[in-house]
PDB file of N, CA and C in Angstrom:
ATOM      1  N   MET A   1      91.969 100.844 100.402  1.00  0.00           N
ATOM      2  CA  MET A   1      93.305 101.773 100.555  1.00  0.00           C
ATOM      3  C   MET A   1      94.183 100.881 101.134  1.00  0.00           C
ATOM      4  N   LYS A   2      95.609 100.883 100.790  1.00  0.00           N
ATOM      5  CA  LYS A   2      96.881 100.703 101.486  1.00  0.00           C
ATOM      6  C   LYS A   2      97.262 101.468 102.573  1.00  0.00           C
ATOM      7  N   ILE A   3      97.306 101.178 103.681  1.00  0.00           N
ATOM      8  CA  ILE A   3      98.039 101.904 104.793  1.00  0.00           C
ATOM      9  C   ILE A   3      99.197 101.549 105.080  1.00  0.00           C
ATOM     10  N   PHE A   4      99.845 102.858 105.135  1.00  0.00           N
ATOM     11  CA  PHE A   4     101.371 102.678 105.752  1.00  0.00           C
ATOM     12  C   PHE A   4     101.431 102.940 107.001  1.00  0.00           C
ATOM     13  N   ILE A   5     102.403 102.255 107.777  1.00  0.00           N
ATOM     14  CA  ILE A   5     102.701 102.139 109.340  1.00  0.00           C
ATOM     15  C   ILE A   5     104.249 102.893 109.325  1.00  0.00           C
ATOM     16  N   PHE A   6     104.330 103.897 110.321  1.00  0.00           N
ATOM     17  CA  PHE A   6     105.314 104.699 110.679  1.00  0.00           C
ATOM     18  C   PHE A   6     105.687 104.508 112.146  1.00  0.00           C
ATOM     19  N   LYS A   7     106.904 104.902 112.505  1.00  0.00           N
ATOM     20  CA  LYS A   7     107.477 105.020 113.646  1.00  0.00           C
ATOM     21  C   LYS A   7     108.173 106.288 113.975  1.00  0.00           C
ATOM     22  N   SER A   8     107.892 106.754 115.083  1.00  0.00           N
ATOM     23  CA  SER A   8     108.538 108.342 115.364  1.00  0.00           C
ATOM     24  C   SER A   8     110.016 107.828 115.904  1.00  0.00           C
ATOM     25  N   GLU A   9     110.845 108.614 115.322  1.00  0.00           N
ATOM     26  CA  GLU A   9     112.255 108.452 115.958  1.00  0.00           C
ATOM     27  C   GLU A   9     112.201 109.652 117.208  1.00  0.00           C
ATOM     28  N   ALA A  10     111.362 110.609 117.257  1.00  0.00           N
ATOM     29  CA  ALA A  10     111.423 111.580 118.606  1.00  0.00           C
ATOM     30  C   ALA A  10     110.771 110.701 119.594  1.00  0.00           C
ATOM     31  N   ARG A  11     109.894 109.949 119.312  1.00  0.00           N
ATOM     32  CA  ARG A  11     108.946 109.355 120.369  1.00  0.00           C
ATOM     33  C   ARG A  11     108.764 108.001 119.909  1.00  0.00           C
ATOM     34  N   PRO A  12     109.994 107.145 120.799  1.00  0.00           N
ATOM     35  CA  PRO A  12     109.678 105.607 120.211  1.00  0.00           C
ATOM     36  C   PRO A  12     108.493 104.923 120.299  1.00  0.00           C
ATOM     37  N   ASP A  13     107.724 105.145 121.294  1.00  0.00           N
ATOM     38  CA  ASP A  13     106.346 104.441 121.581  1.00  0.00           C
ATOM     39  C   ASP A  13     105.119 105.135 120.532  1.00  0.00           C
ATOM     40  N   LEU A  14     105.512 106.016 119.558  1.00  0.00           N
ATOM     41  CA  LEU A  14     104.605 106.320 118.895  1.00  0.00           C
ATOM     42  C   LEU A  14     104.530 106.143 117.600  1.00  0.00           C
ATOM     43  N   ARG A  15     103.352 105.686 116.967  1.00  0.00           N
ATOM     44  CA  ARG A  15     103.387 105.069 115.614  1.00  0.00           C
ATOM     45  C   ARG A  15     102.210 106.112 114.862  1.00  0.00           C
ATOM     46  N   ALA A  16     102.235 105.964 113.546  1.00  0.00           N
ATOM     47  CA  ALA A  16     101.255 106.562 112.747  1.00  0.00           C
ATOM     48  C   ALA A  16     101.069 105.426 111.554  1.00  0.00           C
ATOM     49  N   PHE A  17      99.674 105.794 111.227  1.00  0.00           N
ATOM     50  CA  PHE A  17      98.949 105.349 110.049  1.00  0.00           C
ATOM     51  C   PHE A  17      99.056 106.420 109.029  1.00  0.00           C
ATOM     52  N   GLY A  18      99.636 106.059 107.641  1.00  0.00           N
ATOM     53  CA  GLY A  18      99.356 107.120 106.714  1.00  0.00           C
ATOM     54  C   GLY A  18      98.803 106.459 105.223  1.00  0.00           C
ATOM     55  N   GLY A  19      98.674 107.676 104.499  1.00  0.00           N
ATOM     56  CA  GLY A  19      98.103 107.121 103.389  1.00  0.00           C
ATOM     57  C   GLY A  19      99.067 106.917 102.375  1.00  0.00           C
ATOM     58  N   ASP A  20     100.397 107.312 102.463  1.00  0.00           N
ATOM     59  CA  ASP A  20     101.446 107.408 101.125  1.00  0.00           C
ATOM     60  C   ASP A  20     102.910 106.831 102.041  1.00  0.00           C
ATOM     61  N   LEU A  21     103.568 106.309 101.188  1.00  0.00           N
ATOM     62  CA  LEU A  21     104.826 105.615 101.641  1.00  0.00           C
ATOM     63  C   LEU A  21     105.827 106.679 102.464  1.00  0.00           C
ATOM     64  N   VAL A  22     105.802 107.722 101.843  1.00  0.00           N
ATOM     65  CA  VAL A  22     106.741 109.091 102.600  1.00  0.00           C
ATOM     66  C   VAL A  22     106.287 109.655 103.753  1.00  0.00           C
ATOM     67  N   GLY A  23     105.167 109.391 104.185  1.00  0.00           N
ATOM     68  CA  GLY A  23     104.266 109.983 105.056  1.00  0.00           C
ATOM     69  C   GLY A  23     104.548 111.402 104.998  1.00  0.00           C
ATOM     70  N   GLY A  24     103.778 111.934 103.946  1.00  0.00           N
ATOM     71  CA  GLY A  24     104.224 113.461 103.708  1.00  0.00           C
ATOM     72  C   GLY A  24     103.375 114.465 104.797  1.00  0.00           C
ATOM     73  N   ARG A  25     102.385 113.726 105.165  1.00  0.00           N
ATOM     74  CA  ARG A  25     101.019 114.579 106.255  1.00  0.00           C
ATOM     75  C   ARG A  25     101.221 114.250 107.649  1.00  0.00           C
ATOM     76  N   LEU A  26     102.465 113.543 107.959  1.00  0.00           N
ATOM     77  CA  LEU A  26     102.638 113.084 109.545  1.00  0.00           C
ATOM     78  C   LEU A  26     102.490 114.240 110.024  1.00  0.00           C
ATOM     79  N   PRO A  27     102.499 114.464 111.455  1.00  0.00           N
ATOM     80  CA  PRO A  27     102.876 115.799 112.158  1.00  0.00           C
ATOM     81  C   PRO A  27     104.393 116.063 112.410  1.00  0.00           C
ATOM     82  N   SER A  28     105.024 117.000 112.222  1.00  0.00           N
ATOM     83  CA  SER A  28     106.435 117.144 112.095  1.00  0.00           C
ATOM     84  C   SER A  28     107.014 117.244 113.496  1.00  0.00           C
ATOM     85  N   GLN A  29     106.219 117.582 114.336  1.00  0.00           N
ATOM     86  CA  GLN A  29     106.962 117.641 115.639  1.00  0.00           C
ATOM     87  C   GLN A  29     107.281 116.288 116.254  1.00  0.00           C
ATOM     88  N   PHE A  30     106.775 115.203 115.501  1.00  0.00           N
ATOM     89  CA  PHE A  30     107.251 113.912 116.133  1.00  0.00           C
ATOM     90  C   PHE A  30     108.253 113.151 114.995  1.00  0.00           C
ATOM     91  N   SER A  31     108.696 114.102 114.075  1.00  0.00           N
ATOM     92  CA  SER A  31     109.777 113.508 113.152  1.00  0.00           C
ATOM     93  C   SER A  31     111.315 113.443 113.502  1.00  0.00           C
ATOM     94  N   PRO A  32     111.877 112.589 112.798  1.00  0.00           N
ATOM     95  CA  PRO A  32     111.591 111.964 111.697  1.00  0.00           C
ATOM     96  C   PRO A  32     110.904 110.945 111.746  1.00  0.00           C
ATOM     97  N   TRP A  33     110.084 110.440 110.830  1.00  0.00           N
ATOM     98  CA  TRP A  33     109.307 109.195 110.803  1.00  0.00           C
ATOM     99  C   TRP A  33     109.982 108.242 109.759  1.00  0.00           C
ATOM    100  N   HIS A  34     109.733 106.816 110.380  1.00  0.00           N
ATOM    101  CA  HIS A  34     110.356 105.871 109.131  1.00  0.00           C
ATOM    102  C   HIS A  34     109.297 104.897 109.157  1.00  0.00           C
ATOM    103  N   ALA A  35     109.091 104.575 107.693  1.00  0.00           N
ATOM    104  CA  ALA A  35     108.382 103.614 107.451  1.00  0.00           C
ATOM    105  C   ALA A  35     108.582 101.868 107.918  1.00  0.00           C
ATOM    106  N   ILE A  36     107.806 101.171 108.773  1.00  0.00           N
ATOM    107  CA  ILE A  36     108.094 100.160 109.024  1.00  0.00           C
ATOM    108  C   ILE A  36     106.931  99.000 108.600  1.00  0.00           C
ATOM    109  N   GLY A  37     106.123  99.364 107.760  1.00  0.00           N
ATOM    110  CA  GLY A  37     105.138  98.478 107.538  1.00  0.00           C
ATOM    111  C   GLY A  37     104.020  98.969 106.600  1.00  0.00           C
ATOM    112  N   SER A  38     103.216  97.855 106.063  1.00  0.00           N
ATOM    113  CA  SER A  38     101.947  98.557 105.291  1.00  0.00           C
ATOM    114  C   SER A  38     101.102  97.468 105.506  1.00  0.00           C
ATOM    115  N   ILE A  39      99.768  97.807 105.198  1.00  0.00           N
ATOM    116  CA  ILE A  39      98.577  96.845 105.368  1.00  0.00           C
ATOM    117  C   ILE A  39      97.766  96.706 104.234  1.00  0.00           C
ATOM    118  N   ALA A  40      97.863  95.681 103.531  1.00  0.00           N
ATOM    119  CA  ALA A  40      97.134  95.793 102.249  1.00  0.00           C
ATOM    120  C   ALA A  40      95.569  96.071 102.223  1.00  0.00           C
ATOM    121  N   ALA A  41      94.917  96.438 101.366  1.00  0.00           N
ATOM    122  CA  ALA A  41      93.530  96.962 101.331  1.00  0.00           C
ATOM    123  C   ALA A  41      92.687  95.815 101.915  1.00  0.00           C
ATOM    124  N   ASP A  42      92.841  94.483 101.871  1.00  0.00           N
ATOM    125  CA  ASP A  42      92.324  93.346 102.146  1.00  0.00           C
ATOM    126  C   ASP A  42      92.557  92.635 103.714  1.00  0.00           C
ATOM    127  N   HIS A  43      93.496  93.330 104.311  1.00  0.00           N
ATOM    128  CA  HIS A  43      94.136  92.822 105.685  1.00  0.00           C
ATOM    129  C   HIS A  43      93.308  94.050 106.905  1.00  0.00           C
ATOM    130  N   GLU A  44      93.286  93.495 108.029  1.00  0.00           N
ATOM    131  CA  GLU A  44      93.274  94.140 108.805  1.00  0.00           C
ATOM    132  C   GLU A  44      94.189  94.767 109.536  1.00  0.00           C
ATOM    133  N   PRO A  45      94.215  95.777 110.264  1.00  0.00           N
ATOM    134  CA  PRO A  45      95.230  96.318 111.059  1.00  0.00           C
ATOM    135  C   PRO A  45      95.770  95.656 112.214  1.00  0.00           C
ATOM    136  N   PRO A  46      96.910  96.096 112.939  1.00  0.00           N
ATOM    137  CA  PRO A  46      97.420  95.156 114.136  1.00  0.00           C
ATOM    138  C   PRO A  46      96.442  95.662 115.534  1.00  0.00           C
ATOM    139  N   TYR A  47      96.500  95.155 116.304  1.00  0.00           N
ATOM    140  CA  TYR A  47      96.010  95.203 117.775  1.00  0.00           C
ATOM    141  C   TYR A  47      94.532  95.362 117.588  1.00  0.00           C
ATOM    142  N   ASN A  48      93.529  94.673 116.567  1.00  0.00           N
ATOM    143  CA  ASN A  48      92.419  94.809 116.599  1.00  0.00           C
ATOM    144  C   ASN A  48      91.969  96.485 116.722  1.00  0.00           C
ATOM    145  N   LEU A  49      92.777  97.416 115.909  1.00  0.00           N
ATOM    146  CA  LEU A  49      92.484  98.712 115.844  1.00  0.00           C
ATOM    147  C   LEU A  49      91.321  98.461 114.290  1.00  0.00           C
ATOM    148  N   SER A  50      90.431  99.383 114.459  1.00  0.00           N
ATOM    149  CA  SER A  50      89.386  99.515 113.271  1.00  0.00           C
ATOM    150  C   SER A  50      90.089 100.283 111.947  1.00  0.00           C
ATOM    151  N   ARG A  51      90.075  99.560 111.037  1.00  0.00           N
ATOM    152  CA  ARG A  51      90.284 100.035 109.417  1.00  0.00           C
ATOM    153  C   ARG A  51      89.530 101.160 108.973  1.00  0.00           C
ATOM    154  N   GLN A  52      88.269 101.133 109.507  1.00  0.00           N
ATOM    155  CA  GLN A  52      87.335 102.193 109.197  1.00  0.00           C
ATOM    156  C   GLN A  52      87.588 103.853 109.527  1.00  0.00           C
ATOM    157  N   VAL A  53      87.952 103.319 111.004  1.00  0.00           N
ATOM    158  CA  VAL A  53      88.564 104.735 111.762  1.00  0.00           C
ATOM    159  C   VAL A  53      89.756 105.099 111.334  1.00  0.00           C
ATOM    160  N   ILE A  54      90.634 104.417 111.022  1.00  0.00           N
ATOM    161  CA  ILE A  54      91.836 104.729 110.476  1.00  0.00           C
ATOM    162  C   ILE A  54      91.925 105.474 109.025  1.00  0.00           C
ATOM    163  N   GLU A  55      91.161 104.513 107.977  1.00  0.00           N
ATOM    164  CA  GLU A  55      90.647 105.342 106.873  1.00  0.00           C
ATOM    165  C   GLU A  55      90.019 106.497 106.853  1.00  0.00           C
ATOM    166  N   THR A  56      89.061 106.870 107.705  1.00  0.00           N
ATOM    167  CA  THR A  56      88.568 108.061 107.784  1.00  0.00           C
ATOM    168  C   THR A  56      89.669 109.299 108.277  1.00  0.00           C
ATOM    169  N   ALA A  57      90.205 108.735 109.529  1.00  0.00           N
ATOM    170  CA  ALA A  57      91.388 109.797 109.837  1.00  0.00           C
ATOM    171  C   ALA A  57      92.323 109.982 108.872  1.00  0.00           C
ATOM    172  N   ILE A  58      92.701 108.978 108.065  1.00  0.00           N
ATOM    173  CA  ILE A  58      93.707 109.489 106.916  1.00  0.00           C
ATOM    174  C   ILE A  58      93.127 110.274 105.870  1.00  0.00           C
ATOM    175  N   ASN A  59      91.684 110.105 105.658  1.00  0.00           N
ATOM    176  CA  ASN A  59      91.272 111.045 104.577  1.00  0.00           C
ATOM    177  C   ASN A  59      90.878 112.389 104.851  1.00  0.00           C
ATOM    178  N   ASP A  60      90.522 112.445 106.473  1.00  0.00           N
ATOM    179  CA  ASP A  60      90.297 113.890 107.007  1.00  0.00           C
ATOM    180  C   ASP A  60      91.550 114.552 107.577  1.00  0.00           C
ATOM    181  N   CYS A  61      92.441 114.060 107.935  1.00  0.00           N
ATOM    182  CA  CYS A  61      93.601 114.839 108.622  1.00  0.00           C
ATOM    183  C   CYS A  61      95.001 114.217 107.674  1.00  0.00           C
ATOM    184  N   GLY A  62      94.948 113.325 107.011  1.00  0.00           N
ATOM    185  CA  GLY A  62      96.101 112.659 106.561  1.00  0.00           C
ATOM    186  C   GLY A  62      96.843 111.821 107.462  1.00  0.00           C
ATOM    187  N   TYR A  63      96.710 111.310 108.678  1.00  0.00           N
ATOM    188  CA  TYR A  63      97.137 110.453 109.316  1.00  0.00           C
ATOM    189  C   TYR A  63      96.213 110.119 110.689  1.00  0.00           C
ATOM    190  N   GLN A  64      96.544 108.781 111.149  1.00  0.00           N
ATOM    191  CA  GLN A  64      96.307 108.318 112.379  1.00  0.00           C
ATOM    192  C   GLN A  64      97.079 108.371 113.394  1.00  0.00           C
ATOM    193  N   LEU A  65      97.253 108.518 114.515  1.00  0.00           N
ATOM    194  CA  LEU A  65      98.392 108.254 115.738  1.00  0.00           C
ATOM    195  C   LEU A  65      98.071 107.183 116.512  1.00  0.00           C
ATOM    196  N   TRP A  66      98.961 106.374 116.914  1.00  0.00           N
ATOM    197  CA  TRP A  66      98.749 105.609 118.136  1.00  0.00           C
ATOM    198  C   TRP A  66     100.059 105.276 119.070  1.00  0.00           C
ATOM    199  N   ARG A  67      99.874 104.680 120.172  1.00  0.00           N
ATOM    200  CA  ARG A  67     101.005 104.436 121.006  1.00  0.00           C
ATOM    201  C   ARG A  67     101.224 103.222 121.103  1.00  0.00           C
ATOM    202  N   VAL A  68     102.428 102.565 121.163  1.00  0.00           N
ATOM    203  CA  VAL A  68     102.632 101.159 121.589  1.00  0.00           C
ATOM    204  C   VAL A  68     102.798 100.941 123.058  1.00  0.00           C
ATOM    205  N   THR A  69     102.226 100.260 123.645  1.00  0.00           N
ATOM    206  CA  THR A  69     102.465 100.130 125.371  1.00  0.00           C
ATOM    207  C   THR A  69     103.230  98.848 125.515  1.00  0.00           C
ATOM    208  N   LYS A  70     104.120  98.833 126.457  1.00  0.00           N
ATOM    209  CA  LYS A  70     104.788  97.586 127.098  1.00  0.00           C
ATOM    210  C   LYS A  70     103.996  96.873 127.734  1.00  0.00           C
ATOM    211  N   LYS A  71     103.899  95.518 127.823  1.00  0.00           N
ATOM    212  CA  LYS A  71     103.074  94.623 128.671  1.00  0.00           C
ATOM    213  C   LYS A  71     104.114  94.647 129.988  1.00  0.00           C
ATOM    214  N   ALA A  72     103.260  94.354 131.267  1.00  0.00           N
ATOM    215  CA  ALA A  72     103.693  94.498 132.508  1.00  0.00           C
ATOM    216  C   ALA A  72     104.588  93.366 132.451  1.00  0.00           C
ATOM    217  N   SER A  73     104.382  92.361 131.943  1.00  0.00           N
ATOM    218  CA  SER A  73     105.099  90.958 131.964  1.00  0.00           C
ATOM    219  C   SER A  73     106.567  91.333 131.236  1.00  0.00           C
ATOM    220  N   ASP A  74     106.567  92.252 130.533  1.00  0.00           N
ATOM    221  CA  ASP A  74     107.698  92.531 129.632  1.00  0.00           C
ATOM    222  C   ASP A  74     109.173  92.717 130.773  1.00  0.00           C
ATOM    223  N   GLY A  75     108.834  93.051 131.916  1.00  0.00           N
ATOM    224  CA  GLY A  75     109.848  93.607 132.886  1.00  0.00           C
ATOM    225  C   GLY A  75     110.522  94.933 132.864  1.00  0.00           C
ATOM    226  N   GLU A  76     109.780  95.763 131.992  1.00  0.00           N
ATOM    227  CA  GLU A  76     110.563  96.836 131.929  1.00  0.00           C
ATOM    228  C   GLU A  76     109.434  97.992 132.508  1.00  0.00           C
TER     229      GLU A  76
END
């Protein structure tokens, strides 16, 4: 399965994985969503996230949400 990565404009720290390029099943309360990348079927997701968990969530509810956290060393 090719996985698409989206960023929420409403919540800049929120990301989502979806199964289609338009993000048709992403939660509307965090829209608009912008596609920012994709993961080929033979590649692993970023940040050591489990491909199996992501694919199961996409098959069950259409998406998987995750948050990006800033490192303490970033000074922010």
